[in-house]
Amino acid sequence: MGSPVDTWNDIAGPMYMGANSSWEVIWLLVAIALCILPLIVGSKHELDAYKKVANNGDHPKG
C-alpha cells in the first residue's frame, strides 16, 4: 500500500497501543478475573443447590 515497513515493531505499535504500558497488566488482571469469576459463582450455586436438596430430601427419582 506504499507504507514503509522495516520491522514488525512499526506495525505492532499502531495495532496494540497499550503495549509496554500499565494498561497491559490491567487488562491481564481483568481477563483473569473474567475467567475465575464464573467458576466462583457457579461453585457457590452448585453448593447451595446440593444443600437445598439435602435439607428438603428432594432426591430425583430415576
N, C-alpha and C. Protein backbone atom coordinates (compact mmCIF):
# COMPACT_ATOMS: atom_id res chain seq x y z
N MET A 1 0.82 -1.19 0.00
CA MET A 1 0.00 0.00 0.00
C MET A 1 0.86 1.25 0.00
N GLY A 2 2.15 1.09 -0.13
CA GLY A 2 3.02 2.24 -0.19
C GLY A 2 3.56 2.67 1.15
N SER A 3 3.29 1.92 2.23
CA SER A 3 3.79 2.28 3.56
C SER A 3 5.17 1.67 3.77
N PRO A 4 6.10 2.45 4.26
CA PRO A 4 7.42 1.87 4.53
C PRO A 4 7.41 1.10 5.85
N VAL A 5 7.54 -0.22 5.78
CA VAL A 5 7.56 -1.06 6.97
C VAL A 5 8.88 -1.81 6.97
N ASP A 6 9.73 -1.48 7.93
CA ASP A 6 11.03 -2.13 8.01
C ASP A 6 11.04 -3.28 9.02
N THR A 7 10.30 -3.13 10.14
CA THR A 7 10.27 -4.17 11.18
C THR A 7 8.84 -4.34 11.66
N TRP A 8 8.61 -5.44 12.40
CA TRP A 8 7.29 -5.68 12.95
C TRP A 8 6.95 -4.67 14.04
N ASN A 9 7.96 -4.07 14.66
CA ASN A 9 7.70 -3.05 15.68
C ASN A 9 6.98 -1.85 15.09
N ASP A 10 7.21 -1.58 13.83
CA ASP A 10 6.50 -0.48 13.18
C ASP A 10 5.00 -0.78 13.07
N ILE A 11 4.66 -2.04 13.03
CA ILE A 11 3.25 -2.44 12.89
C ILE A 11 2.60 -2.67 14.25
N ALA A 12 3.32 -3.25 15.20
CA ALA A 12 2.75 -3.64 16.49
C ALA A 12 2.29 -2.43 17.30
N GLY A 13 2.99 -1.33 17.21
CA GLY A 13 2.60 -0.14 17.95
C GLY A 13 1.21 0.35 17.60
N PRO A 14 0.92 0.59 16.33
CA PRO A 14 -0.42 1.05 15.98
C PRO A 14 -1.51 0.00 16.20
N MET A 15 -1.18 -1.29 16.13
CA MET A 15 -2.18 -2.33 16.29
C MET A 15 -2.58 -2.51 17.76
N TYR A 16 -1.63 -2.38 18.65
CA TYR A 16 -1.89 -2.55 20.07
C TYR A 16 -1.23 -1.40 20.81
N MET A 17 -2.01 -0.37 21.05
CA MET A 17 -1.47 0.85 21.62
C MET A 17 -1.17 0.73 23.11
N GLY A 18 -1.65 -0.33 23.75
CA GLY A 18 -1.41 -0.50 25.18
C GLY A 18 -0.12 -1.23 25.49
N ALA A 19 0.62 -1.61 24.47
CA ALA A 19 1.86 -2.36 24.70
C ALA A 19 2.86 -1.52 25.48
N ASN A 20 3.56 -2.21 26.37
CA ASN A 20 4.60 -1.59 27.19
C ASN A 20 4.07 -0.45 28.06
N SER A 21 2.86 -0.62 28.56
CA SER A 21 2.29 0.38 29.47
C SER A 21 1.62 -0.36 30.63
N SER A 22 1.10 0.39 31.57
CA SER A 22 0.42 -0.24 32.71
C SER A 22 -0.91 -0.85 32.30
N TRP A 23 -1.48 -0.43 31.19
CA TRP A 23 -2.75 -0.98 30.74
C TRP A 23 -2.64 -2.46 30.40
N GLU A 24 -1.47 -2.90 30.00
CA GLU A 24 -1.29 -4.30 29.67
C GLU A 24 -1.54 -5.17 30.89
N VAL A 25 -1.02 -4.78 32.03
CA VAL A 25 -1.23 -5.52 33.28
C VAL A 25 -2.68 -5.42 33.73
N ILE A 26 -3.27 -4.25 33.58
CA ILE A 26 -4.67 -4.07 33.97
C ILE A 26 -5.58 -4.99 33.16
N TRP A 27 -5.40 -5.04 31.85
CA TRP A 27 -6.24 -5.90 31.02
C TRP A 27 -5.98 -7.38 31.29
N LEU A 28 -4.75 -7.73 31.64
CA LEU A 28 -4.46 -9.11 32.02
C LEU A 28 -5.23 -9.48 33.28
N LEU A 29 -5.24 -8.61 34.27
CA LEU A 29 -5.97 -8.88 35.51
C LEU A 29 -7.48 -8.95 35.26
N VAL A 30 -7.99 -8.09 34.39
CA VAL A 30 -9.42 -8.14 34.04
C VAL A 30 -9.74 -9.48 33.37
N ALA A 31 -8.88 -9.93 32.46
CA ALA A 31 -9.11 -11.21 31.79
C ALA A 31 -9.07 -12.37 32.77
N ILE A 32 -8.12 -12.34 33.71
CA ILE A 32 -8.05 -13.40 34.72
C ILE A 32 -9.31 -13.41 35.58
N ALA A 33 -9.76 -12.22 35.99
CA ALA A 33 -10.96 -12.13 36.82
C ALA A 33 -12.19 -12.64 36.06
N LEU A 34 -12.27 -12.34 34.77
CA LEU A 34 -13.41 -12.80 33.98
C LEU A 34 -13.39 -14.31 33.77
N CYS A 35 -12.24 -14.94 33.92
CA CYS A 35 -12.16 -16.40 33.83
C CYS A 35 -12.48 -17.06 35.17
N ILE A 36 -12.07 -16.43 36.26
CA ILE A 36 -12.23 -17.04 37.59
C ILE A 36 -13.61 -16.75 38.18
N LEU A 37 -14.16 -15.58 37.91
CA LEU A 37 -15.45 -15.19 38.49
C LEU A 37 -16.57 -16.19 38.19
N PRO A 38 -16.75 -16.65 36.95
CA PRO A 38 -17.81 -17.64 36.72
C PRO A 38 -17.58 -18.95 37.47
N LEU A 39 -16.34 -19.33 37.68
CA LEU A 39 -16.06 -20.55 38.45
C LEU A 39 -16.52 -20.40 39.89
N ILE A 40 -16.27 -19.24 40.47
CA ILE A 40 -16.67 -18.99 41.86
C ILE A 40 -18.19 -18.93 41.97
N VAL A 41 -18.82 -18.20 41.07
CA VAL A 41 -20.28 -18.06 41.10
C VAL A 41 -20.95 -19.41 40.85
N GLY A 42 -20.45 -20.18 39.90
CA GLY A 42 -21.02 -21.49 39.61
C GLY A 42 -20.85 -22.46 40.76
N SER A 43 -19.68 -22.42 41.39
CA SER A 43 -19.43 -23.30 42.53
C SER A 43 -20.37 -22.97 43.68
N LYS A 44 -20.57 -21.69 43.95
CA LYS A 44 -21.49 -21.29 45.03
C LYS A 44 -22.91 -21.74 44.72
N HIS A 45 -23.32 -21.60 43.47
CA HIS A 45 -24.66 -22.02 43.08
C HIS A 45 -24.83 -23.53 43.26
N GLU A 46 -23.84 -24.30 42.84
CA GLU A 46 -23.93 -25.75 42.97
C GLU A 46 -23.96 -26.17 44.44
N LEU A 47 -23.13 -25.57 45.27
CA LEU A 47 -23.13 -25.92 46.69
C LEU A 47 -24.47 -25.59 47.34
N ASP A 48 -25.05 -24.43 46.98
CA ASP A 48 -26.37 -24.07 47.52
C ASP A 48 -27.44 -25.07 47.05
N ALA A 49 -27.35 -25.50 45.80
CA ALA A 49 -28.33 -26.46 45.28
C ALA A 49 -28.19 -27.80 45.99
N TYR A 50 -26.97 -28.24 46.23
CA TYR A 50 -26.77 -29.51 46.94
C TYR A 50 -27.29 -29.43 48.38
N LYS A 51 -27.06 -28.30 49.04
CA LYS A 51 -27.55 -28.12 50.40
C LYS A 51 -29.08 -28.12 50.44
N LYS A 52 -29.69 -27.48 49.44
CA LYS A 52 -31.15 -27.43 49.37
C LYS A 52 -31.73 -28.82 49.20
N VAL A 53 -31.13 -29.62 48.34
CA VAL A 53 -31.61 -30.99 48.12
C VAL A 53 -31.41 -31.82 49.38
N ALA A 54 -30.28 -31.66 50.05
CA ALA A 54 -30.00 -32.44 51.26
C ALA A 54 -30.96 -32.08 52.38
N ASN A 55 -31.34 -30.81 52.51
CA ASN A 55 -32.23 -30.38 53.58
C ASN A 55 -33.68 -30.74 53.32
N ASN A 56 -34.11 -30.70 52.06
CA ASN A 56 -35.50 -30.98 51.75
C ASN A 56 -35.76 -32.45 51.45
N GLY A 57 -34.75 -33.21 51.22
CA GLY A 57 -34.95 -34.60 50.87
C GLY A 57 -35.52 -34.78 49.48
N ASP A 58 -35.39 -33.76 48.65
CA ASP A 58 -35.90 -33.84 47.27
C ASP A 58 -34.88 -34.50 46.37
N HIS A 59 -34.82 -35.81 46.49
CA HIS A 59 -33.88 -36.53 45.62
C HIS A 59 -34.57 -36.86 44.32
N PRO A 60 -33.88 -36.69 43.20
CA PRO A 60 -34.51 -37.01 41.92
C PRO A 60 -34.80 -38.50 41.83
N LYS A 61 -35.94 -38.81 41.24
CA LYS A 61 -36.33 -40.22 41.08
C LYS A 61 -35.82 -40.69 39.73
N GLY A 62 -35.20 -41.84 39.71
CA GLY A 62 -34.65 -42.29 38.45
C GLY A 62 -34.52 -43.74 38.32
